């Protein structure tokens, strides 16, 4: 199992991504409204106001998605996110990373269809 964390600068793509997760078999995810460091610094600390040029390329807030998935889903999930949001190598697009998970308690083990009945 792995924890996949995706910080996306395109909150309008969230519905498409989550629908794709269901199609891929991702059993659940947590979505957090988030804000990048540059935006916070430029608004709260005047010396960093020069960051405004960089910030103008991104939206006012991000979405951070957290999901625990099997290793075989990592590449399909990353592909789905990049197809939805664009090339994450471009500035102000987002970032995805994974971390190994050695224990999970409370992860849904039933099919999504079972929970909808």
Protein backbone atom coordinates (compact mmCIF):
# COMPACT_ATOMS: atom_id res chain seq x y z
CA UNK A 1 0.00 0.00 0.00
CA UNK A 2 1.04 3.57 -0.67
CA UNK A 3 -0.16 6.99 0.36
CA UNK A 4 -0.56 9.12 -2.75
CA UNK A 5 -0.60 12.86 -2.13
CA UNK A 6 -1.55 15.19 -4.96
CA UNK A 7 -1.54 18.97 -4.57
CA UNK A 8 -3.40 20.42 -7.55
CA UNK A 9 -3.61 24.02 -8.70
CA UNK A 10 -6.75 23.26 -10.74
CA UNK A 11 -9.60 22.81 -8.26
CA UNK A 12 -12.09 22.86 -11.14
CA UNK A 13 -10.72 19.47 -12.26
CA UNK A 14 -11.50 17.79 -8.94
CA UNK A 15 -14.84 16.23 -9.96
CA UNK A 16 -13.31 14.67 -13.09
CA UNK A 17 -10.39 13.29 -11.08
CA UNK A 18 -12.57 11.81 -8.34
CA UNK A 19 -14.90 10.23 -10.91
CA UNK A 20 -11.81 8.73 -12.55
CA UNK A 21 -10.67 7.39 -9.18
CA UNK A 22 -13.95 5.47 -8.89
CA UNK A 23 -13.50 4.04 -12.38
CA UNK A 24 -9.96 2.95 -11.51
CA UNK A 25 -11.09 1.27 -8.29
CA UNK A 26 -9.76 3.79 -5.79
CA UNK A 27 -11.93 3.14 -2.74
CA UNK A 28 -11.67 6.52 -1.08
CA UNK A 29 -9.80 9.79 -0.86
CA UNK A 30 -9.68 12.81 1.38
CA UNK A 31 -9.75 16.26 -0.23
CA UNK A 32 -8.36 19.25 1.61
CA UNK A 33 -8.65 22.87 0.54
CA UNK A 34 -5.08 24.17 0.66
CA UNK A 35 -3.01 27.22 -0.16
CA UNK A 36 0.58 27.38 -1.37
CA UNK A 37 3.43 28.84 0.63
CA UNK A 38 4.11 31.60 -1.89
CA UNK A 39 0.56 32.90 -1.70
CA UNK A 40 0.57 32.90 2.10
CA UNK A 41 3.92 34.66 2.29
CA UNK A 42 3.03 37.28 -0.30
CA UNK A 43 -0.15 38.23 1.57
CA UNK A 44 1.15 38.07 5.13
CA UNK A 45 4.77 39.20 4.92
CA UNK A 46 5.40 42.35 2.82
CA UNK A 47 9.01 41.47 2.01
CA UNK A 48 7.72 38.53 -0.04
CA UNK A 49 5.30 40.62 -2.12
CA UNK A 50 7.63 40.10 -5.11
CA UNK A 51 6.35 36.54 -5.26
CA UNK A 52 3.13 37.91 -6.77
CA UNK A 53 4.41 37.30 -10.32
CA UNK A 54 4.82 33.59 -9.59
CA UNK A 55 1.51 33.42 -7.79
CA UNK A 56 -0.43 35.01 -10.64
CA UNK A 57 0.19 31.81 -12.62
CA UNK A 58 -1.73 29.74 -10.08
CA UNK A 59 -5.19 29.93 -8.61
CA UNK A 60 -6.02 31.37 -5.20
CA UNK A 61 -6.34 27.94 -3.63
CA UNK A 62 -5.36 24.35 -4.29
CA UNK A 63 -6.86 20.98 -3.60
CA UNK A 64 -4.80 18.36 -1.81
CA UNK A 65 -5.93 14.79 -2.36
CA UNK A 66 -4.83 12.01 0.00
CA UNK A 67 -5.53 8.39 -0.84
CA UNK A 68 -4.15 5.01 0.22
CA UNK A 69 -3.85 2.74 -2.81
CA UNK A 70 -2.20 -0.48 -3.96
CA UNK A 71 1.06 -0.14 -5.86
CA UNK A 72 -0.59 -1.23 -9.13
CA UNK A 73 -2.85 1.84 -9.05
CA UNK A 74 -0.08 4.44 -8.68
CA UNK A 75 0.70 4.89 -12.38
CA UNK A 76 -2.95 4.86 -13.56
CA UNK A 77 -3.88 7.44 -10.90
CA UNK A 78 -0.95 9.69 -11.80
CA UNK A 79 -1.80 9.39 -15.51
CA UNK A 80 -5.43 10.31 -14.79
CA UNK A 81 -4.40 13.39 -12.81
CA UNK A 82 -1.95 14.54 -15.49
CA UNK A 83 -4.52 14.00 -18.25
CA UNK A 84 -6.96 16.14 -16.26
CA UNK A 85 -4.62 18.90 -15.04
CA UNK A 86 -1.87 18.96 -17.65
CA UNK A 87 1.84 18.36 -17.41
CA UNK A 88 2.85 18.67 -13.77
CA UNK A 89 6.40 19.52 -14.85
CA UNK A 90 5.09 22.99 -15.79
CA UNK A 91 5.21 25.65 -13.05
CA UNK A 92 2.13 26.30 -10.91
CA UNK A 93 0.41 23.07 -11.98
CA UNK A 94 0.79 20.79 -8.98
CA UNK A 95 2.79 17.99 -7.45
CA UNK A 96 2.19 14.30 -6.80
CA UNK A 97 4.21 12.03 -4.57
CA UNK A 98 3.79 8.69 -2.84
CA UNK A 99 4.96 7.25 0.44
CA UNK A 100 5.03 3.58 1.46
CA UNK A 101 2.43 2.62 4.05
CA UNK A 102 3.21 -0.32 6.32
CA UNK A 103 -0.09 -0.44 8.19
CA UNK A 104 -3.66 0.65 7.51
CA UNK A 105 -6.59 0.43 9.90
CA UNK A 106 -10.06 1.29 8.68
CA UNK A 107 -9.54 1.14 4.92
CA UNK A 108 -12.70 0.05 3.09
CA UNK A 109 -12.39 -3.53 1.91
CA UNK A 110 -15.72 -3.88 0.18
CA UNK A 111 -16.55 -2.93 -3.40
CA UNK A 112 -17.95 0.57 -3.88
CA UNK A 113 -21.08 -0.95 -5.36
CA UNK A 114 -21.80 -2.68 -2.06
CA UNK A 115 -21.74 0.61 -0.17
CA UNK A 116 -24.25 2.22 -2.53
CA UNK A 117 -27.01 -0.34 -1.88
